[in-house]
Amino acid sequence: RIQGVIGRLSQQDKVAFIELQGERIETMNVIVFADEDVYLQEGDYVEIIGTVEEYRGKKEVIASKIVKK
């Protein structure tokens, strides 16, 4: 569970890539697999629940739930 501000957001088909600027972490990459469009934008403050995985030597979060605060 992490919280922060969306610094960058891009969407390709049914996958959204979010760069989250956290409170305790500098930045964290978040991947969202969604059946519909993700209605978030840069500057939104969100709480993300998901699983931390390593991809190409960097940690990223595979989001299971995102709540806009």
N, C-alpha and C. Protein backbone atom coordinates (compact mmCIF):
# COMPACT_ATOMS: atom_id res chain seq x y z
N ARG A 1 0.86 -1.17 0.00
CA ARG A 1 0.00 0.00 0.00
C ARG A 1 0.90 1.23 0.00
N ILE A 2 0.75 2.05 -1.02
CA ILE A 2 1.54 3.28 -1.12
C ILE A 2 0.62 4.44 -1.47
N GLN A 3 1.05 5.64 -1.12
CA GLN A 3 0.30 6.85 -1.46
C GLN A 3 1.25 7.85 -2.08
N GLY A 4 0.72 8.69 -2.95
CA GLY A 4 1.54 9.72 -3.55
C GLY A 4 0.80 10.43 -4.65
N VAL A 5 1.53 11.28 -5.35
CA VAL A 5 0.98 12.10 -6.43
C VAL A 5 1.44 11.50 -7.76
N ILE A 6 0.53 11.42 -8.71
CA ILE A 6 0.87 10.91 -10.03
C ILE A 6 1.74 11.95 -10.74
N GLY A 7 2.97 11.57 -11.03
CA GLY A 7 3.91 12.47 -11.71
C GLY A 7 3.81 12.34 -13.22
N ARG A 8 3.57 11.11 -13.69
CA ARG A 8 3.46 10.86 -15.12
C ARG A 8 2.52 9.69 -15.34
N LEU A 9 1.71 9.76 -16.38
CA LEU A 9 0.72 8.73 -16.66
C LEU A 9 0.67 8.50 -18.16
N SER A 10 0.76 7.24 -18.58
CA SER A 10 0.58 6.91 -19.99
C SER A 10 -0.23 5.63 -20.08
N GLN A 11 -1.01 5.53 -21.16
CA GLN A 11 -1.89 4.39 -21.34
C GLN A 11 -1.70 3.79 -22.71
N GLN A 12 -1.61 2.45 -22.77
CA GLN A 12 -1.48 1.74 -24.03
C GLN A 12 -2.44 0.56 -23.98
N ASP A 13 -3.43 0.55 -24.84
CA ASP A 13 -4.47 -0.48 -24.86
C ASP A 13 -5.09 -0.62 -23.48
N LYS A 14 -4.91 -1.76 -22.82
CA LYS A 14 -5.54 -1.99 -21.52
C LYS A 14 -4.54 -1.97 -20.38
N VAL A 15 -3.42 -1.26 -20.58
CA VAL A 15 -2.39 -1.15 -19.55
C VAL A 15 -2.06 0.32 -19.33
N ALA A 16 -2.07 0.74 -18.06
CA ALA A 16 -1.68 2.12 -17.72
C ALA A 16 -0.38 2.07 -16.94
N PHE A 17 0.53 2.99 -17.26
CA PHE A 17 1.81 3.10 -16.58
C PHE A 17 1.80 4.41 -15.80
N ILE A 18 2.00 4.32 -14.48
CA ILE A 18 1.95 5.49 -13.61
C ILE A 18 3.30 5.65 -12.92
N GLU A 19 3.84 6.86 -12.95
CA GLU A 19 5.01 7.18 -12.13
C GLU A 19 4.50 7.92 -10.91
N LEU A 20 4.61 7.30 -9.76
CA LEU A 20 4.05 7.84 -8.52
C LEU A 20 5.15 8.49 -7.70
N GLN A 21 4.94 9.73 -7.30
CA GLN A 21 5.87 10.45 -6.44
C GLN A 21 5.37 10.29 -5.02
N GLY A 22 6.02 9.40 -4.27
CA GLY A 22 5.56 9.03 -2.94
C GLY A 22 6.07 9.94 -1.85
N GLU A 23 5.53 9.70 -0.66
CA GLU A 23 5.92 10.49 0.50
C GLU A 23 7.24 9.98 1.07
N ARG A 24 7.41 8.66 1.14
CA ARG A 24 8.63 8.09 1.71
C ARG A 24 9.59 7.61 0.64
N ILE A 25 9.06 7.33 -0.53
CA ILE A 25 9.88 6.83 -1.63
C ILE A 25 10.05 7.97 -2.63
N GLU A 26 11.17 7.98 -3.31
CA GLU A 26 11.36 9.04 -4.30
C GLU A 26 10.32 8.91 -5.42
N THR A 27 10.40 7.88 -6.22
CA THR A 27 9.37 7.59 -7.23
C THR A 27 9.21 6.08 -7.35
N MET A 28 8.03 5.65 -7.76
CA MET A 28 7.75 4.22 -7.92
C MET A 28 6.93 4.07 -9.19
N ASN A 29 7.29 3.09 -10.02
CA ASN A 29 6.51 2.81 -11.22
C ASN A 29 5.38 1.86 -10.86
N VAL A 30 4.19 2.18 -11.35
CA VAL A 30 3.00 1.38 -11.08
C VAL A 30 2.40 0.95 -12.41
N ILE A 31 2.06 -0.34 -12.51
CA ILE A 31 1.45 -0.87 -13.72
C ILE A 31 0.01 -1.26 -13.37
N VAL A 32 -0.94 -0.83 -14.23
CA VAL A 32 -2.36 -1.13 -14.01
C VAL A 32 -2.88 -1.88 -15.24
N PHE A 33 -3.39 -3.08 -15.02
CA PHE A 33 -4.04 -3.84 -16.09
C PHE A 33 -5.54 -3.63 -15.90
N ALA A 34 -6.18 -2.94 -16.85
CA ALA A 34 -7.59 -2.58 -16.69
C ALA A 34 -8.38 -2.93 -17.94
N ASP A 35 -9.63 -3.33 -17.72
CA ASP A 35 -10.51 -3.64 -18.84
C ASP A 35 -11.11 -2.40 -19.48
N GLU A 36 -11.02 -1.27 -18.77
CA GLU A 36 -11.54 -0.01 -19.30
C GLU A 36 -10.52 1.09 -19.05
N ASP A 37 -10.77 2.27 -19.58
CA ASP A 37 -9.84 3.38 -19.42
C ASP A 37 -9.64 3.74 -17.95
N VAL A 38 -8.44 4.18 -17.62
CA VAL A 38 -8.12 4.62 -16.27
C VAL A 38 -8.37 6.12 -16.21
N TYR A 39 -9.28 6.54 -15.35
CA TYR A 39 -9.65 7.96 -15.26
C TYR A 39 -8.85 8.65 -14.17
N LEU A 40 -7.56 8.76 -14.39
CA LEU A 40 -6.65 9.46 -13.49
C LEU A 40 -5.88 10.45 -14.34
N GLN A 41 -5.29 11.43 -13.68
CA GLN A 41 -4.46 12.38 -14.40
C GLN A 41 -3.28 12.80 -13.54
N GLU A 42 -2.28 13.36 -14.20
CA GLU A 42 -1.10 13.83 -13.49
C GLU A 42 -1.52 14.87 -12.45
N GLY A 43 -0.96 14.76 -11.25
CA GLY A 43 -1.30 15.67 -10.17
C GLY A 43 -2.32 15.11 -9.19
N ASP A 44 -3.01 14.00 -9.57
CA ASP A 44 -3.96 13.37 -8.66
C ASP A 44 -3.21 12.73 -7.49
N TYR A 45 -3.78 12.83 -6.29
CA TYR A 45 -3.23 12.16 -5.11
C TYR A 45 -3.99 10.85 -4.95
N VAL A 46 -3.26 9.73 -4.94
CA VAL A 46 -3.90 8.42 -4.93
C VAL A 46 -3.29 7.50 -3.88
N GLU A 47 -4.07 6.49 -3.51
CA GLU A 47 -3.57 5.38 -2.70
C GLU A 47 -3.65 4.14 -3.57
N ILE A 48 -2.54 3.41 -3.66
CA ILE A 48 -2.47 2.24 -4.53
C ILE A 48 -2.19 1.01 -3.69
N ILE A 49 -2.99 -0.03 -3.92
CA ILE A 49 -2.79 -1.32 -3.26
C ILE A 49 -2.39 -2.30 -4.36
N GLY A 50 -1.31 -3.05 -4.12
CA GLY A 50 -0.87 -3.99 -5.13
C GLY A 50 0.30 -4.83 -4.67
N THR A 51 0.95 -5.45 -5.63
CA THR A 51 2.06 -6.36 -5.37
C THR A 51 3.35 -5.76 -5.92
N VAL A 52 4.40 -5.79 -5.11
CA VAL A 52 5.70 -5.28 -5.56
C VAL A 52 6.42 -6.41 -6.29
N GLU A 53 6.90 -6.11 -7.50
CA GLU A 53 7.67 -7.06 -8.29
C GLU A 53 8.92 -6.37 -8.80
N GLU A 54 9.87 -7.16 -9.26
CA GLU A 54 11.08 -6.59 -9.83
C GLU A 54 11.07 -6.83 -11.33
N TYR A 55 11.36 -5.78 -12.10
CA TYR A 55 11.40 -5.87 -13.56
C TYR A 55 12.63 -5.14 -14.05
N ARG A 56 13.50 -5.87 -14.73
CA ARG A 56 14.77 -5.31 -15.24
C ARG A 56 15.57 -4.60 -14.14
N GLY A 57 15.61 -5.23 -12.98
CA GLY A 57 16.41 -4.70 -11.88
C GLY A 57 15.79 -3.57 -11.08
N LYS A 58 14.56 -3.18 -11.42
CA LYS A 58 13.89 -2.10 -10.69
C LYS A 58 12.58 -2.62 -10.11
N LYS A 59 12.23 -2.08 -8.95
CA LYS A 59 10.96 -2.48 -8.32
C LYS A 59 9.81 -1.68 -8.92
N GLU A 60 8.69 -2.36 -9.11
CA GLU A 60 7.48 -1.72 -9.59
C GLU A 60 6.29 -2.36 -8.90
N VAL A 61 5.17 -1.67 -8.90
CA VAL A 61 3.95 -2.17 -8.26
C VAL A 61 2.95 -2.54 -9.34
N ILE A 62 2.41 -3.76 -9.23
CA ILE A 62 1.30 -4.18 -10.08
C ILE A 62 0.05 -3.89 -9.27
N ALA A 63 -0.70 -2.86 -9.68
CA ALA A 63 -1.83 -2.36 -8.88
C ALA A 63 -3.03 -3.30 -8.98
N SER A 64 -3.65 -3.55 -7.82
CA SER A 64 -4.92 -4.28 -7.79
C SER A 64 -6.07 -3.33 -7.49
N LYS A 65 -5.77 -2.19 -6.81
CA LYS A 65 -6.80 -1.22 -6.49
C LYS A 65 -6.16 0.16 -6.39
N ILE A 66 -6.85 1.17 -6.96
CA ILE A 66 -6.39 2.56 -6.88
C ILE A 66 -7.56 3.40 -6.38
N VAL A 67 -7.30 4.18 -5.32
CA VAL A 67 -8.32 5.06 -4.76
C VAL A 67 -7.81 6.49 -4.86
N LYS A 68 -8.60 7.34 -5.55
CA LYS A 68 -8.26 8.76 -5.66
C LYS A 68 -8.66 9.45 -4.36
N LYS A 69 -7.73 10.18 -3.77
CA LYS A 69 -7.97 10.83 -2.47
C LYS A 69 -8.39 12.28 -2.65
